[in-house]
Amino acid sequence: MPFIDTKFNFRLSEEKEAVIKAKLGEAITTFPGKSEYWLMLNFTDNCRMWFRGYNNFPVAMVEIKLFGSAEASITNEMTKTVCSLFERELGISPDHVYVKYEFCDTWGWNGENF
């Protein structure tokens, strides 16, 4: 039951969105038991975001929410993957990407909770 919510301060083209979607679908398997089948994604572009007092370079805020928890080594690997992906595909410097993790022990789906 992972959910990845990403905000960008620039327009994300449909082509790049498809690439990022596919690559995040692969990356979610970094977490044991997680797969693209259960992954929900949201992309919000053209956000009015500032970083270090400026808004004239690309930035991203990524929130990864998971049912359950994960070890620090796994979240470190995921952060590295996300930052590399965004640098390679979108030209965002890794030091302009924040990645936040939230772990939840109650998650609802299909009219009931896990």
PDB file of N, CA and C in Angstrom:
ATOM      1  N   MET A   1       0.810  -1.197   0.000  1.00  0.00           N
ATOM      2  CA  MET A   1       0.000   0.000   0.000  1.00  0.00           C
ATOM      3  C   MET A   1       0.853   1.261   0.000  1.00  0.00           C
ATOM      4  N   PRO A   2       1.797   1.373  -0.889  1.00  0.00           N
ATOM      5  CA  PRO A   2       2.573   2.610  -0.914  1.00  0.00           C
ATOM      6  C   PRO A   2       1.873   3.711  -1.713  1.00  0.00           C
ATOM      7  N   PHE A   3       2.154   4.944  -1.314  1.00  0.00           N
ATOM      8  CA  PHE A   3       1.677   6.127  -2.020  1.00  0.00           C
ATOM      9  C   PHE A   3       2.855   7.086  -2.126  1.00  0.00           C
ATOM     10  N   ILE A   4       3.151   7.529  -3.338  1.00  0.00           N
ATOM     11  CA  ILE A   4       4.209   8.505  -3.550  1.00  0.00           C
ATOM     12  C   ILE A   4       3.587   9.764  -4.134  1.00  0.00           C
ATOM     13  N   ASP A   5       3.723  10.851  -3.393  1.00  0.00           N
ATOM     14  CA  ASP A   5       3.173  12.145  -3.775  1.00  0.00           C
ATOM     15  C   ASP A   5       4.347  13.074  -4.075  1.00  0.00           C
ATOM     16  N   THR A   6       4.416  13.569  -5.306  1.00  0.00           N
ATOM     17  CA  THR A   6       5.549  14.390  -5.723  1.00  0.00           C
ATOM     18  C   THR A   6       5.078  15.729  -6.245  1.00  0.00           C
ATOM     19  N   LYS A   7       5.731  16.774  -5.765  1.00  0.00           N
ATOM     20  CA  LYS A   7       5.441  18.139  -6.204  1.00  0.00           C
ATOM     21  C   LYS A   7       6.686  18.706  -6.878  1.00  0.00           C
ATOM     22  N   PHE A   8       6.464  19.379  -8.007  1.00  0.00           N
ATOM     23  CA  PHE A   8       7.537  20.014  -8.769  1.00  0.00           C
ATOM     24  C   PHE A   8       7.209  21.493  -8.941  1.00  0.00           C
ATOM     25  N   ASN A   9       8.228  22.318  -9.094  1.00  0.00           N
ATOM     26  CA  ASN A   9       7.993  23.744  -9.344  1.00  0.00           C
ATOM     27  C   ASN A   9       8.116  24.091 -10.829  1.00  0.00           C
ATOM     28  N   PHE A  10       7.901  23.121 -11.686  1.00  0.00           N
ATOM     29  CA  PHE A  10       7.957  23.312 -13.134  1.00  0.00           C
ATOM     30  C   PHE A  10       6.917  22.396 -13.777  1.00  0.00           C
ATOM     31  N   ARG A  11       6.697  22.605 -15.060  1.00  0.00           N
ATOM     32  CA  ARG A  11       5.733  21.770 -15.776  1.00  0.00           C
ATOM     33  C   ARG A  11       6.362  20.415 -16.074  1.00  0.00           C
ATOM     34  N   LEU A  12       5.652  19.355 -15.727  1.00  0.00           N
ATOM     35  CA  LEU A  12       6.085  17.986 -16.007  1.00  0.00           C
ATOM     36  C   LEU A  12       5.355  17.514 -17.262  1.00  0.00           C
ATOM     37  N   SER A  13       6.098  17.228 -18.316  1.00  0.00           N
ATOM     38  CA  SER A  13       5.463  16.787 -19.558  1.00  0.00           C
ATOM     39  C   SER A  13       4.860  15.391 -19.374  1.00  0.00           C
ATOM     40  N   GLU A  14       3.900  15.073 -20.212  1.00  0.00           N
ATOM     41  CA  GLU A  14       3.275  13.748 -20.155  1.00  0.00           C
ATOM     42  C   GLU A  14       4.303  12.650 -20.416  1.00  0.00           C
ATOM     43  N   GLU A  15       5.242  12.918 -21.305  1.00  0.00           N
ATOM     44  CA  GLU A  15       6.268  11.935 -21.612  1.00  0.00           C
ATOM     45  C   GLU A  15       7.150  11.652 -20.400  1.00  0.00           C
ATOM     46  N   LYS A  16       7.595  12.719 -19.735  1.00  0.00           N
ATOM     47  CA  LYS A  16       8.437  12.548 -18.546  1.00  0.00           C
ATOM     48  C   LYS A  16       7.630  11.939 -17.396  1.00  0.00           C
ATOM     49  N   GLU A  17       6.365  12.296 -17.285  1.00  0.00           N
ATOM     50  CA  GLU A  17       5.522  11.696 -16.244  1.00  0.00           C
ATOM     51  C   GLU A  17       5.452  10.182 -16.420  1.00  0.00           C
ATOM     52  N   ALA A  18       5.299   9.735 -17.649  1.00  0.00           N
ATOM     53  CA  ALA A  18       5.230   8.292 -17.920  1.00  0.00           C
ATOM     54  C   ALA A  18       6.543   7.598 -17.542  1.00  0.00           C
ATOM     55  N   VAL A  19       7.656   8.245 -17.831  1.00  0.00           N
ATOM     56  CA  VAL A  19       8.957   7.669 -17.479  1.00  0.00           C
ATOM     57  C   VAL A  19       9.115   7.604 -15.968  1.00  0.00           C
ATOM     58  N   ILE A  20       8.812   8.694 -15.289  1.00  0.00           N
ATOM     59  CA  ILE A  20       8.950   8.746 -13.825  1.00  0.00           C
ATOM     60  C   ILE A  20       8.016   7.729 -13.183  1.00  0.00           C
ATOM     61  N   LYS A  21       6.792   7.614 -13.687  1.00  0.00           N
ATOM     62  CA  LYS A  21       5.842   6.637 -13.163  1.00  0.00           C
ATOM     63  C   LYS A  21       6.403   5.228 -13.253  1.00  0.00           C
ATOM     64  N   ALA A  22       6.933   4.887 -14.400  1.00  0.00           N
ATOM     65  CA  ALA A  22       7.477   3.541 -14.602  1.00  0.00           C
ATOM     66  C   ALA A  22       8.675   3.280 -13.692  1.00  0.00           C
ATOM     67  N   LYS A  23       9.564   4.252 -13.596  1.00  0.00           N
ATOM     68  CA  LYS A  23      10.774   4.080 -12.786  1.00  0.00           C
ATOM     69  C   LYS A  23      10.445   4.026 -11.291  1.00  0.00           C
ATOM     70  N   LEU A  24       9.466   4.802 -10.834  1.00  0.00           N
ATOM     71  CA  LEU A  24       9.061   4.713  -9.426  1.00  0.00           C
ATOM     72  C   LEU A  24       8.373   3.376  -9.158  1.00  0.00           C
ATOM     73  N   GLY A  25       7.671   2.860 -10.156  1.00  0.00           N
ATOM     74  CA  GLY A  25       7.069   1.538 -10.037  1.00  0.00           C
ATOM     75  C   GLY A  25       8.121   0.455  -9.829  1.00  0.00           C
ATOM     76  N   GLU A  26       9.262   0.611 -10.495  1.00  0.00           N
ATOM     77  CA  GLU A  26      10.379  -0.317 -10.287  1.00  0.00           C
ATOM     78  C   GLU A  26      11.035  -0.072  -8.928  1.00  0.00           C
ATOM     79  N   ALA A  27      11.222   1.191  -8.586  1.00  0.00           N
ATOM     80  CA  ALA A  27      11.941   1.547  -7.358  1.00  0.00           C
ATOM     81  C   ALA A  27      11.207   1.119  -6.093  1.00  0.00           C
ATOM     82  N   ILE A  28       9.880   1.069  -6.137  1.00  0.00           N
ATOM     83  CA  ILE A  28       9.129   0.736  -4.921  1.00  0.00           C
ATOM     84  C   ILE A  28       9.453  -0.673  -4.435  1.00  0.00           C
ATOM     85  N   THR A  29       9.963  -1.511  -5.323  1.00  0.00           N
ATOM     86  CA  THR A  29      10.332  -2.872  -4.911  1.00  0.00           C
ATOM     87  C   THR A  29      11.555  -2.878  -3.996  1.00  0.00           C
ATOM     88  N   THR A  30      12.181  -1.732  -3.810  1.00  0.00           N
ATOM     89  CA  THR A  30      13.251  -1.589  -2.819  1.00  0.00           C
ATOM     90  C   THR A  30      12.739  -1.983  -1.436  1.00  0.00           C
ATOM     91  N   PHE A  31      11.450  -1.704  -1.206  1.00  0.00           N
ATOM     92  CA  PHE A  31      10.823  -2.055   0.065  1.00  0.00           C
ATOM     93  C   PHE A  31      10.303  -3.488  -0.016  1.00  0.00           C
ATOM     94  N   PRO A  32      10.707  -4.350   0.893  1.00  0.00           N
ATOM     95  CA  PRO A  32      10.238  -5.742   0.864  1.00  0.00           C
ATOM     96  C   PRO A  32       8.711  -5.821   0.862  1.00  0.00           C
ATOM     97  N   GLY A  33       8.173  -6.627  -0.042  1.00  0.00           N
ATOM     98  CA  GLY A  33       6.738  -6.842  -0.118  1.00  0.00           C
ATOM     99  C   GLY A  33       5.960  -5.772  -0.858  1.00  0.00           C
ATOM    100  N   LYS A  34       6.626  -4.735  -1.351  1.00  0.00           N
ATOM    101  CA  LYS A  34       5.934  -3.660  -2.073  1.00  0.00           C
ATOM    102  C   LYS A  34       6.144  -3.843  -3.569  1.00  0.00           C
ATOM    103  N   SER A  35       5.110  -3.483  -4.335  1.00  0.00           N
ATOM    104  CA  SER A  35       5.203  -3.615  -5.786  1.00  0.00           C
ATOM    105  C   SER A  35       4.388  -2.519  -6.465  1.00  0.00           C
ATOM    106  N   GLU A  36       4.609  -2.375  -7.752  1.00  0.00           N
ATOM    107  CA  GLU A  36       3.870  -1.375  -8.516  1.00  0.00           C
ATOM    108  C   GLU A  36       2.368  -1.673  -8.523  1.00  0.00           C
ATOM    109  N   TYR A  37       2.015  -2.940  -8.373  1.00  0.00           N
ATOM    110  CA  TYR A  37       0.602  -3.322  -8.406  1.00  0.00           C
ATOM    111  C   TYR A  37      -0.213  -2.534  -7.378  1.00  0.00           C
ATOM    112  N   TRP A  38       0.352  -2.290  -6.196  1.00  0.00           N
ATOM    113  CA  TRP A  38      -0.358  -1.574  -5.129  1.00  0.00           C
ATOM    114  C   TRP A  38       0.043  -0.110  -5.026  1.00  0.00           C
ATOM    115  N   LEU A  39       0.963   0.331  -5.867  1.00  0.00           N
ATOM    116  CA  LEU A  39       1.489   1.693  -5.777  1.00  0.00           C
ATOM    117  C   LEU A  39       0.503   2.712  -6.342  1.00  0.00           C
ATOM    118  N   MET A  40       0.230   3.747  -5.559  1.00  0.00           N
ATOM    119  CA  MET A  40      -0.551   4.889  -6.031  1.00  0.00           C
ATOM    120  C   MET A  40       0.402   6.077  -6.113  1.00  0.00           C
ATOM    121  N   LEU A  41       0.299   6.817  -7.206  1.00  0.00           N
ATOM    122  CA  LEU A  41       1.183   7.964  -7.441  1.00  0.00           C
ATOM    123  C   LEU A  41       0.361   9.224  -7.659  1.00  0.00           C
ATOM    124  N   ASN A  42       0.921  10.345  -7.251  1.00  0.00           N
ATOM    125  CA  ASN A  42       0.355  11.646  -7.575  1.00  0.00           C
ATOM    126  C   ASN A  42       1.501  12.562  -7.970  1.00  0.00           C
ATOM    127  N   PHE A  43       1.323  13.282  -9.069  1.00  0.00           N
ATOM    128  CA  PHE A  43       2.288  14.286  -9.498  1.00  0.00           C
ATOM    129  C   PHE A  43       1.563  15.620  -9.573  1.00  0.00           C
ATOM    130  N   THR A  44       2.118  16.601  -8.894  1.00  0.00           N
ATOM    131  CA  THR A  44       1.595  17.959  -8.960  1.00  0.00           C
ATOM    132  C   THR A  44       2.716  18.839  -9.475  1.00  0.00           C
ATOM    133  N   ASP A  45       2.490  19.459 -10.623  1.00  0.00           N
ATOM    134  CA  ASP A  45       3.536  20.304 -11.187  1.00  0.00           C
ATOM    135  C   ASP A  45       3.147  21.771 -11.090  1.00  0.00           C
ATOM    136  N   ASN A  46       4.074  22.625 -11.490  1.00  0.00           N
ATOM    137  CA  ASN A  46       3.898  24.078 -11.452  1.00  0.00           C
ATOM    138  C   ASN A  46       3.579  24.610 -10.061  1.00  0.00           C
ATOM    139  N   CYS A  47       4.084  23.953  -9.026  1.00  0.00           N
ATOM    140  CA  CYS A  47       3.877  24.430  -7.652  1.00  0.00           C
ATOM    141  C   CYS A  47       4.721  25.675  -7.411  1.00  0.00           C
ATOM    142  N   ARG A  48       4.225  26.527  -6.569  1.00  0.00           N
ATOM    143  CA  ARG A  48       4.964  27.736  -6.207  1.00  0.00           C
ATOM    144  C   ARG A  48       5.855  27.398  -5.018  1.00  0.00           C
ATOM    145  N   MET A  49       6.983  26.773  -5.305  1.00  0.00           N
ATOM    146  CA  MET A  49       7.897  26.330  -4.263  1.00  0.00           C
ATOM    147  C   MET A  49       9.195  27.133  -4.332  1.00  0.00           C
ATOM    148  N   TRP A  50       9.691  27.456  -3.154  1.00  0.00           N
ATOM    149  CA  TRP A  50      10.949  28.176  -3.016  1.00  0.00           C
ATOM    150  C   TRP A  50      11.905  27.288  -2.238  1.00  0.00           C
ATOM    151  N   PHE A  51      13.192  27.365  -2.544  1.00  0.00           N
ATOM    152  CA  PHE A  51      14.196  26.614  -1.807  1.00  0.00           C
ATOM    153  C   PHE A  51      15.432  27.483  -1.680  1.00  0.00           C
ATOM    154  N   ARG A  52      15.948  27.592  -0.472  1.00  0.00           N
ATOM    155  CA  ARG A  52      17.119  28.419  -0.171  1.00  0.00           C
ATOM    156  C   ARG A  52      16.894  29.876  -0.563  1.00  0.00           C
ATOM    157  N   GLY A  53      15.624  30.300  -0.537  1.00  0.00           N
ATOM    158  CA  GLY A  53      15.291  31.682  -0.854  1.00  0.00           C
ATOM    159  C   GLY A  53      15.079  31.972  -2.321  1.00  0.00           C
ATOM    160  N   TYR A  54      15.130  30.933  -3.167  1.00  0.00           N
ATOM    161  CA  TYR A  54      15.008  31.124  -4.615  1.00  0.00           C
ATOM    162  C   TYR A  54      13.955  30.189  -5.204  1.00  0.00           C
ATOM    163  N   ASN A  55      13.474  30.581  -6.376  1.00  0.00           N
ATOM    164  CA  ASN A  55      12.544  29.711  -7.105  1.00  0.00           C
ATOM    165  C   ASN A  55      12.895  29.645  -8.586  1.00  0.00           C
ATOM    166  N   ASN A  56      14.155  29.906  -8.911  1.00  0.00           N
ATOM    167  CA  ASN A  56      14.566  29.954 -10.322  1.00  0.00           C
ATOM    168  C   ASN A  56      15.342  28.717 -10.770  1.00  0.00           C
ATOM    169  N   PHE A  57      15.208  27.608 -10.042  1.00  0.00           N
ATOM    170  CA  PHE A  57      15.809  26.338 -10.449  1.00  0.00           C
ATOM    171  C   PHE A  57      14.835  25.230 -10.066  1.00  0.00           C
ATOM    172  N   PRO A  58      14.902  24.077 -10.729  1.00  0.00           N
ATOM    173  CA  PRO A  58      13.939  23.012 -10.457  1.00  0.00           C
ATOM    174  C   PRO A  58      14.156  22.375  -9.083  1.00  0.00           C
ATOM    175  N   VAL A  59      13.042  22.157  -8.385  1.00  0.00           N
ATOM    176  CA  VAL A  59      13.052  21.475  -7.093  1.00  0.00           C
ATOM    177  C   VAL A  59      11.910  20.465  -7.058  1.00  0.00           C
ATOM    178  N   ALA A  60      12.023  19.515  -6.134  1.00  0.00           N
ATOM    179  CA  ALA A  60      10.965  18.516  -5.956  1.00  0.00           C
ATOM    180  C   ALA A  60      10.832  18.178  -4.480  1.00  0.00           C
ATOM    181  N   MET A  61       9.595  17.963  -4.082  1.00  0.00           N
ATOM    182  CA  MET A  61       9.264  17.470  -2.747  1.00  0.00           C
ATOM    183  C   MET A  61       8.552  16.140  -2.937  1.00  0.00           C
ATOM    184  N   VAL A  62       9.126  15.071  -2.379  1.00  0.00           N
ATOM    185  CA  VAL A  62       8.601  13.721  -2.555  1.00  0.00           C
ATOM    186  C   VAL A  62       8.180  13.184  -1.184  1.00  0.00           C
ATOM    187  N   GLU A  63       6.943  12.735  -1.091  1.00  0.00           N
ATOM    188  CA  GLU A  63       6.463  12.103   0.137  1.00  0.00           C
ATOM    189  C   GLU A  63       6.133  10.655  -0.171  1.00  0.00           C
ATOM    190  N   ILE A  64       6.782   9.759   0.543  1.00  0.00           N
ATOM    191  CA  ILE A  64       6.571   8.328   0.357  1.00  0.00           C
ATOM    192  C   ILE A  64       5.882   7.804   1.607  1.00  0.00           C
ATOM    193  N   LYS A  65       4.665   7.302   1.423  1.00  0.00           N
ATOM    194  CA  LYS A  65       3.865   6.813   2.543  1.00  0.00           C
ATOM    195  C   LYS A  65       3.683   5.311   2.397  1.00  0.00           C
ATOM    196  N   LEU A  66       3.938   4.603   3.481  1.00  0.00           N
ATOM    197  CA  LEU A  66       3.901   3.147   3.437  1.00  0.00           C
ATOM    198  C   LEU A  66       3.077   2.572   4.568  1.00  0.00           C
ATOM    199  N   PHE A  67       2.370   1.501   4.270  1.00  0.00           N
ATOM    200  CA  PHE A  67       1.749   0.684   5.305  1.00  0.00           C
ATOM    201  C   PHE A  67       2.865  -0.165   5.882  1.00  0.00           C
ATOM    202  N   GLY A  68       3.088  -0.044   7.173  1.00  0.00           N
ATOM    203  CA  GLY A  68       4.190  -0.749   7.811  1.00  0.00           C
ATOM    204  C   GLY A  68       5.349   0.198   8.029  1.00  0.00           C
ATOM    205  N   SER A  69       6.552  -0.343   8.060  1.00  0.00           N
ATOM    206  CA  SER A  69       7.741   0.474   8.283  1.00  0.00           C
ATOM    207  C   SER A  69       8.883  -0.059   7.431  1.00  0.00           C
ATOM    208  N   ALA A  70      10.024   0.606   7.517  1.00  0.00           N
ATOM    209  CA  ALA A  70      11.189   0.188   6.747  1.00  0.00           C
ATOM    210  C   ALA A  70      12.449   0.573   7.509  1.00  0.00           C
ATOM    211  N   GLU A  71      13.479  -0.205   7.305  1.00  0.00           N
ATOM    212  CA  GLU A  71      14.767   0.073   7.927  1.00  0.00           C
ATOM    213  C   GLU A  71      15.432   1.269   7.250  1.00  0.00           C
ATOM    214  N   ALA A  72      16.299   1.928   7.996  1.00  0.00           N
ATOM    215  CA  ALA A  72      17.000   3.103   7.476  1.00  0.00           C
ATOM    216  C   ALA A  72      17.805   2.780   6.224  1.00  0.00           C
ATOM    217  N   SER A  73      18.389   1.601   6.150  1.00  0.00           N
ATOM    218  CA  SER A  73      19.175   1.247   4.965  1.00  0.00           C
ATOM    219  C   SER A  73      18.301   1.217   3.708  1.00  0.00           C
ATOM    220  N   ILE A  74      17.049   0.812   3.867  1.00  0.00           N
ATOM    221  CA  ILE A  74      16.132   0.742   2.725  1.00  0.00           C
ATOM    222  C   ILE A  74      15.675   2.134   2.321  1.00  0.00           C
ATOM    223  N   THR A  75      15.340   2.987   3.291  1.00  0.00           N
ATOM    224  CA  THR A  75      14.941   4.353   2.942  1.00  0.00           C
ATOM    225  C   THR A  75      16.117   5.121   2.347  1.00  0.00           C
ATOM    226  N   ASN A  76      17.331   4.856   2.829  1.00  0.00           N
ATOM    227  CA  ASN A  76      18.519   5.493   2.232  1.00  0.00           C
ATOM    228  C   ASN A  76      18.665   5.098   0.771  1.00  0.00           C
ATOM    229  N   GLU A  77      18.462   3.826   0.472  1.00  0.00           N
ATOM    230  CA  GLU A  77      18.561   3.346  -0.907  1.00  0.00           C
ATOM    231  C   GLU A  77      17.473   3.979  -1.778  1.00  0.00           C
ATOM    232  N   MET A  78      16.266   4.076  -1.255  1.00  0.00           N
ATOM    233  CA  MET A  78      15.169   4.680  -2.013  1.00  0.00           C
ATOM    234  C   MET A  78      15.433   6.158  -2.276  1.00  0.00           C
ATOM    235  N   THR A  79      15.930   6.872  -1.286  1.00  0.00           N
ATOM    236  CA  THR A  79      16.248   8.289  -1.475  1.00  0.00           C
ATOM    237  C   THR A  79      17.301   8.451  -2.563  1.00  0.00           C
ATOM    238  N   LYS A  80      18.321   7.624  -2.539  1.00  0.00           N
ATOM    239  CA  LYS A  80      19.369   7.664  -3.554  1.00  0.00           C
ATOM    240  C   LYS A  80      18.773   7.399  -4.947  1.00  0.00           C
ATOM    241  N   THR A  81      17.876   6.427  -5.031  1.00  0.00           N
ATOM    242  CA  THR A  81      17.241   6.082  -6.308  1.00  0.00           C
ATOM    243  C   THR A  81      16.395   7.235  -6.832  1.00  0.00           C
ATOM    244  N   VAL A  82      15.579   7.820  -5.962  1.00  0.00           N
ATOM    245  CA  VAL A  82      14.707   8.938  -6.362  1.00  0.00           C
ATOM    246  C   VAL A  82      15.547  10.122  -6.829  1.00  0.00           C
ATOM    247  N   CYS A  83      16.555  10.483  -6.055  1.00  0.00           N
ATOM    248  CA  CYS A  83      17.391  11.631  -6.426  1.00  0.00           C
ATOM    249  C   CYS A  83      18.122  11.386  -7.746  1.00  0.00           C
ATOM    250  N   SER A  84      18.638  10.198  -7.945  1.00  0.00           N
ATOM    251  CA  SER A  84      19.319   9.865  -9.204  1.00  0.00           C
ATOM    252  C   SER A  84      18.354   9.916 -10.378  1.00  0.00           C
ATOM    253  N   LEU A  85      17.168   9.361 -10.184  1.00  0.00           N
ATOM    254  CA  LEU A  85      16.147   9.366 -11.227  1.00  0.00           C
ATOM    255  C   LEU A  85      15.763  10.784 -11.623  1.00  0.00           C
ATOM    256  N   PHE A  86      15.514  11.636 -10.646  1.00  0.00           N
ATOM    257  CA  PHE A  86      15.097  13.003 -10.932  1.00  0.00           C
ATOM    258  C   PHE A  86      16.224  13.810 -11.579  1.00  0.00           C
ATOM    259  N   GLU A  87      17.458  13.519 -11.196  1.00  0.00           N
ATOM    260  CA  GLU A  87      18.579  14.216 -11.833  1.00  0.00           C
ATOM    261  C   GLU A  87      18.715  13.772 -13.291  1.00  0.00           C
ATOM    262  N   ARG A  88      18.673  12.476 -13.523  1.00  0.00           N
ATOM    263  CA  ARG A  88      18.849  11.924 -14.868  1.00  0.00           C
ATOM    264  C   ARG A  88      17.709  12.310 -15.807  1.00  0.00           C
ATOM    265  N   GLU A  89      16.476  12.190 -15.353  1.00  0.00           N
ATOM    266  CA  GLU A  89      15.319  12.390 -16.226  1.00  0.00           C
ATOM    267  C   GLU A  89      14.795  13.820 -16.265  1.00  0.00           C
ATOM    268  N   LEU A  90      14.990  14.573 -15.164  1.00  0.00           N
ATOM    269  CA  LEU A  90      14.377  15.895 -15.074  1.00  0.00           C
ATOM    270  C   LEU A  90      15.381  17.029 -14.865  1.00  0.00           C
ATOM    271  N   GLY A  91      16.643  16.679 -14.670  1.00  0.00           N
ATOM    272  CA  GLY A  91      17.653  17.705 -14.487  1.00  0.00           C
ATOM    273  C   GLY A  91      17.607  18.394 -13.128  1.00  0.00           C
ATOM    274  N   ILE A  92      17.017  17.745 -12.136  1.00  0.00           N
ATOM    275  CA  ILE A  92      16.946  18.325 -10.798  1.00  0.00           C
ATOM    276  C   ILE A  92      18.183  17.861 -10.021  1.00  0.00           C
ATOM    277  N   SER A  93      18.923  18.809  -9.512  1.00  0.00           N
ATOM    278  CA  SER A  93      20.095  18.475  -8.706  1.00  0.00           C
ATOM    279  C   SER A  93      19.643  17.718  -7.454  1.00  0.00           C
ATOM    280  N   PRO A  94      20.345  16.651  -7.073  1.00  0.00           N
ATOM    281  CA  PRO A  94      19.942  15.886  -5.882  1.00  0.00           C
ATOM    282  C   PRO A  94      19.828  16.731  -4.618  1.00  0.00           C
ATOM    283  N   ASP A  95      20.596  17.816  -4.539  1.00  0.00           N
ATOM    284  CA  ASP A  95      20.490  18.669  -3.353  1.00  0.00           C
ATOM    285  C   ASP A  95      19.326  19.655  -3.438  1.00  0.00           C
ATOM    286  N   HIS A  96      18.475  19.473  -4.444  1.00  0.00           N
ATOM    287  CA  HIS A  96      17.235  20.258  -4.571  1.00  0.00           C
ATOM    288  C   HIS A  96      16.008  19.351  -4.478  1.00  0.00           C
ATOM    289  N   VAL A  97      16.195  18.173  -3.890  1.00  0.00           N
ATOM    290  CA  VAL A  97      15.105  17.209  -3.724  1.00  0.00           C
ATOM    291  C   VAL A  97      14.998  16.838  -2.254  1.00  0.00           C
ATOM    292  N   TYR A  98      13.815  17.009  -1.700  1.00  0.00           N
ATOM    293  CA  TYR A  98      13.528  16.502  -0.355  1.00  0.00           C
ATOM    294  C   TYR A  98      12.702  15.231  -0.506  1.00  0.00           C
ATOM    295  N   VAL A  99      12.984  14.238   0.324  1.00  0.00           N
ATOM    296  CA  VAL A  99      12.208  13.003   0.357  1.00  0.00           C
ATOM    297  C   VAL A  99      11.782  12.768   1.797  1.00  0.00           C
ATOM    298  N   LYS A 100      10.486  12.691   2.008  1.00  0.00           N
ATOM    299  CA  LYS A 100       9.918  12.493   3.342  1.00  0.00           C
ATOM    300  C   LYS A 100       9.243  11.130   3.387  1.00  0.00           C
ATOM    301  N   TYR A 101       9.441  10.413   4.479  1.00  0.00           N
ATOM    302  CA  TYR A 101       8.824   9.096   4.652  1.00  0.00           C
ATOM    303  C   TYR A 101       7.804   9.148   5.781  1.00  0.00           C
ATOM    304  N   GLU A 102       6.679   8.493   5.545  1.00  0.00           N
ATOM    305  CA  GLU A 102       5.662   8.316   6.582  1.00  0.00           C
ATOM    306  C   GLU A 102       5.279   6.850   6.618  1.00  0.00           C
ATOM    307  N   PHE A 103       5.232   6.311   7.832  1.00  0.00           N
ATOM    308  CA  PHE A 103       4.864   4.911   8.021  1.00  0.00           C
ATOM    309  C   PHE A 103       3.569   4.856   8.812  1.00  0.00           C
ATOM    310  N   CYS A 104       2.704   3.939   8.420  1.00  0.00           N
ATOM    311  CA  CYS A 104       1.371   3.873   9.001  1.00  0.00           C
ATOM    312  C   CYS A 104       1.045   2.435   9.382  1.00  0.00           C
ATOM    313  N   ASP A 105       0.410   2.256  10.539  1.00  0.00           N
ATOM    314  CA  ASP A 105       0.023   0.904  10.940  1.00  0.00           C
ATOM    315  C   ASP A 105      -1.450   0.608  10.674  1.00  0.00           C
ATOM    316  N   THR A 106      -2.182   1.617  10.220  1.00  0.00           N
ATOM    317  CA  THR A 106      -3.574   1.408   9.811  1.00  0.00           C
ATOM    318  C   THR A 106      -3.748   2.016   8.425  1.00  0.00           C
ATOM    319  N   TRP A 107      -4.198   1.198   7.491  1.00  0.00           N
ATOM    320  CA  TRP A 107      -4.374   1.645   6.116  1.00  0.00           C
ATOM    321  C   TRP A 107      -5.664   1.053   5.614  1.00  0.00           C
ATOM    322  N   GLY A 108      -6.540   1.879   5.075  1.00  0.00           N
ATOM    323  CA  GLY A 108      -7.822   1.400   4.584  1.00  0.00           C
ATOM    324  C   GLY A 108      -7.829   1.212   3.077  1.00  0.00           C
ATOM    325  N   TRP A 109      -8.575   0.190   2.664  1.00  0.00           N
ATOM    326  CA  TRP A 109      -8.748  -0.097   1.231  1.00  0.00           C
ATOM    327  C   TRP A 109      -9.949  -1.020   1.080  1.00  0.00           C
ATOM    328  N   ASN A 110     -10.718  -0.787   0.063  1.00  0.00           N
ATOM    329  CA  ASN A 110     -11.818  -1.678  -0.291  1.00  0.00           C
ATOM    330  C   ASN A 110     -12.819  -1.850   0.845  1.00  0.00           C
ATOM    331  N   GLY A 111     -13.086  -0.765   1.565  1.00  0.00           N
ATOM    332  CA  GLY A 111     -14.100  -0.771   2.620  1.00  0.00           C
ATOM    333  C   GLY A 111     -13.664  -1.325   3.955  1.00  0.00           C
ATOM    334  N   GLU A 112     -12.364  -1.626   4.110  1.00  0.00           N
ATOM    335  CA  GLU A 112     -11.901  -2.136   5.401  1.00  0.00           C
ATOM    336  C   GLU A 112     -10.459  -1.682   5.635  1.00  0.00           C
ATOM    337  N   ASN A 113      -9.962  -1.933   6.834  1.00  0.00           N
ATOM    338  CA  ASN A 113      -8.591  -1.558   7.207  1.00  0.00           C
ATOM    339  C   ASN A 113      -7.728  -2.778   7.358  1.00  0.00           C
ATOM    340  N   PHE A 114      -6.462  -2.570   7.119  1.00  0.00           N
ATOM    341  CA  PHE A 114      -5.479  -3.623   7.343  1.00  0.00           C
ATOM    342  C   PHE A 114      -4.976  -3.529   8.765  1.00  0.00           C
TER     343      PHE A 114
END
